[in-house]
Amino acid sequence: LALLLGQATGYLILGNRVMILLAAVILVIDAVIFGFGLRLFQREKILSQSR
């Protein structure tokens, strides 16, 4: 509930465009972290199979 209220307050204070821009930035950061995690997991899988 607090997250919903925080987002609603941010929307009212910052405006529509800023909220969409922030969501896009967070999406890009999430995609980069997810890609890094996938590469790290594949490396660990390869290392565990080689032993």
N, C-alpha and C. Protein backbone atom coordinates (compact mmCIF):
# COMPACT_ATOMS: atom_id res chain seq x y z
N LEU A 1 0.83 -1.19 0.00
CA LEU A 1 0.00 0.00 0.00
C LEU A 1 0.88 1.26 0.00
N ALA A 2 1.97 1.21 0.74
CA ALA A 2 2.87 2.37 0.78
C ALA A 2 3.51 2.62 -0.58
N LEU A 3 3.84 1.54 -1.29
CA LEU A 3 4.42 1.68 -2.63
C LEU A 3 3.43 2.35 -3.58
N LEU A 4 2.18 1.94 -3.51
CA LEU A 4 1.14 2.53 -4.35
C LEU A 4 0.97 4.02 -4.04
N LEU A 5 0.93 4.35 -2.77
CA LEU A 5 0.79 5.76 -2.39
C LEU A 5 2.01 6.58 -2.81
N GLY A 6 3.19 5.99 -2.68
CA GLY A 6 4.41 6.68 -3.10
C GLY A 6 4.43 6.94 -4.60
N GLN A 7 3.99 5.96 -5.37
CA GLN A 7 3.95 6.14 -6.82
C GLN A 7 2.90 7.18 -7.21
N ALA A 8 1.76 7.15 -6.56
CA ALA A 8 0.72 8.14 -6.87
C ALA A 8 1.19 9.55 -6.52
N THR A 9 1.85 9.70 -5.40
CA THR A 9 2.37 11.01 -5.00
C THR A 9 3.44 11.48 -5.98
N GLY A 10 4.33 10.57 -6.38
CA GLY A 10 5.35 10.92 -7.37
C GLY A 10 4.74 11.34 -8.69
N TYR A 11 3.69 10.64 -9.09
CA TYR A 11 3.00 10.98 -10.34
C TYR A 11 2.41 12.39 -10.25
N LEU A 12 1.80 12.70 -9.13
CA LEU A 12 1.18 14.02 -8.98
C LEU A 12 2.22 15.13 -8.89
N ILE A 13 3.34 14.86 -8.22
CA ILE A 13 4.36 15.90 -8.04
C ILE A 13 5.21 16.07 -9.30
N LEU A 14 5.68 14.95 -9.86
CA LEU A 14 6.64 15.02 -10.96
C LEU A 14 5.98 15.15 -12.33
N GLY A 15 4.83 14.57 -12.49
CA GLY A 15 4.16 14.64 -13.78
C GLY A 15 4.32 13.35 -14.57
N ASN A 16 3.55 13.28 -15.63
CA ASN A 16 3.46 12.07 -16.45
C ASN A 16 4.77 11.76 -17.17
N ARG A 17 5.37 12.75 -17.81
CA ARG A 17 6.58 12.51 -18.61
C ARG A 17 7.75 12.06 -17.76
N VAL A 18 7.91 12.67 -16.61
CA VAL A 18 9.02 12.31 -15.73
C VAL A 18 8.85 10.88 -15.22
N MET A 19 7.63 10.50 -14.88
CA MET A 19 7.39 9.14 -14.38
C MET A 19 7.66 8.11 -15.48
N ILE A 20 7.27 8.41 -16.72
CA ILE A 20 7.55 7.49 -17.83
C ILE A 20 9.05 7.41 -18.08
N LEU A 21 9.74 8.53 -18.01
CA LEU A 21 11.20 8.53 -18.18
C LEU A 21 11.89 7.72 -17.09
N LEU A 22 11.46 7.90 -15.85
CA LEU A 22 12.04 7.13 -14.75
C LEU A 22 11.78 5.63 -14.92
N ALA A 23 10.58 5.27 -15.37
CA ALA A 23 10.27 3.86 -15.60
C ALA A 23 11.15 3.29 -16.70
N ALA A 24 11.41 4.07 -17.75
CA ALA A 24 12.26 3.60 -18.84
C ALA A 24 13.70 3.41 -18.36
N VAL A 25 14.19 4.32 -17.54
CA VAL A 25 15.55 4.20 -17.00
C VAL A 25 15.66 2.96 -16.12
N ILE A 26 14.68 2.73 -15.28
CA ILE A 26 14.69 1.54 -14.42
C ILE A 26 14.61 0.27 -15.26
N LEU A 27 13.84 0.28 -16.34
CA LEU A 27 13.75 -0.88 -17.23
C LEU A 27 15.10 -1.20 -17.86
N VAL A 28 15.83 -0.18 -18.30
CA VAL A 28 17.15 -0.39 -18.89
C VAL A 28 18.12 -0.95 -17.85
N ILE A 29 18.09 -0.39 -16.65
CA ILE A 29 18.97 -0.88 -15.58
C ILE A 29 18.65 -2.33 -15.25
N ASP A 30 17.37 -2.68 -15.18
CA ASP A 30 16.96 -4.06 -14.91
C ASP A 30 17.44 -5.00 -16.01
N ALA A 31 17.34 -4.57 -17.26
CA ALA A 31 17.77 -5.42 -18.38
C ALA A 31 19.28 -5.67 -18.32
N VAL A 32 20.05 -4.64 -17.98
CA VAL A 32 21.50 -4.80 -17.88
C VAL A 32 21.85 -5.76 -16.74
N ILE A 33 21.23 -5.60 -15.60
CA ILE A 33 21.50 -6.48 -14.46
C ILE A 33 21.08 -7.91 -14.78
N PHE A 34 19.94 -8.08 -15.45
CA PHE A 34 19.47 -9.42 -15.82
C PHE A 34 20.45 -10.08 -16.78
N GLY A 35 20.93 -9.34 -17.77
CA GLY A 35 21.90 -9.89 -18.72
C GLY A 35 23.20 -10.28 -18.03
N PHE A 36 23.66 -9.45 -17.10
CA PHE A 36 24.87 -9.78 -16.35
C PHE A 36 24.66 -11.03 -15.51
N GLY A 37 23.50 -11.15 -14.90
CA GLY A 37 23.19 -12.34 -14.10
C GLY A 37 23.15 -13.60 -14.94
N LEU A 38 22.59 -13.51 -16.14
CA LEU A 38 22.56 -14.67 -17.03
C LEU A 38 23.96 -15.11 -17.42
N ARG A 39 24.81 -14.15 -17.76
CA ARG A 39 26.19 -14.50 -18.13
C ARG A 39 26.94 -15.11 -16.95
N LEU A 40 26.75 -14.58 -15.77
CA LEU A 40 27.40 -15.11 -14.58
C LEU A 40 26.91 -16.53 -14.29
N PHE A 41 25.61 -16.76 -14.43
CA PHE A 41 25.05 -18.09 -14.19
C PHE A 41 25.59 -19.09 -15.19
N GLN A 42 25.70 -18.70 -16.46
CA GLN A 42 26.22 -19.61 -17.48
C GLN A 42 27.68 -19.94 -17.19
N ARG A 43 28.45 -18.97 -16.73
CA ARG A 43 29.85 -19.22 -16.40
C ARG A 43 29.96 -20.20 -15.23
N GLU A 44 29.13 -20.02 -14.22
CA GLU A 44 29.16 -20.92 -13.07
C GLU A 44 28.73 -22.33 -13.48
N LYS A 45 27.76 -22.43 -14.37
CA LYS A 45 27.30 -23.74 -14.84
C LYS A 45 28.42 -24.45 -15.60
N ILE A 46 29.12 -23.72 -16.45
CA ILE A 46 30.23 -24.30 -17.22
C ILE A 46 31.34 -24.75 -16.28
N LEU A 47 31.66 -23.91 -15.28
CA LEU A 47 32.72 -24.26 -14.33
C LEU A 47 32.35 -25.49 -13.51
N SER A 48 31.09 -25.62 -13.13
CA SER A 48 30.69 -26.77 -12.31
C SER A 48 30.66 -28.05 -13.14
N GLN A 49 30.44 -27.97 -14.44
CA GLN A 49 30.40 -29.16 -15.28
C GLN A 49 31.81 -29.63 -15.64
N SER A 50 32.79 -28.75 -15.60
CA SER A 50 34.14 -29.13 -16.02
C SER A 50 34.89 -29.92 -14.94
N ARG A 51 34.36 -29.95 -13.75
CA ARG A 51 35.07 -30.66 -12.66
C ARG A 51 34.63 -32.08 -12.56
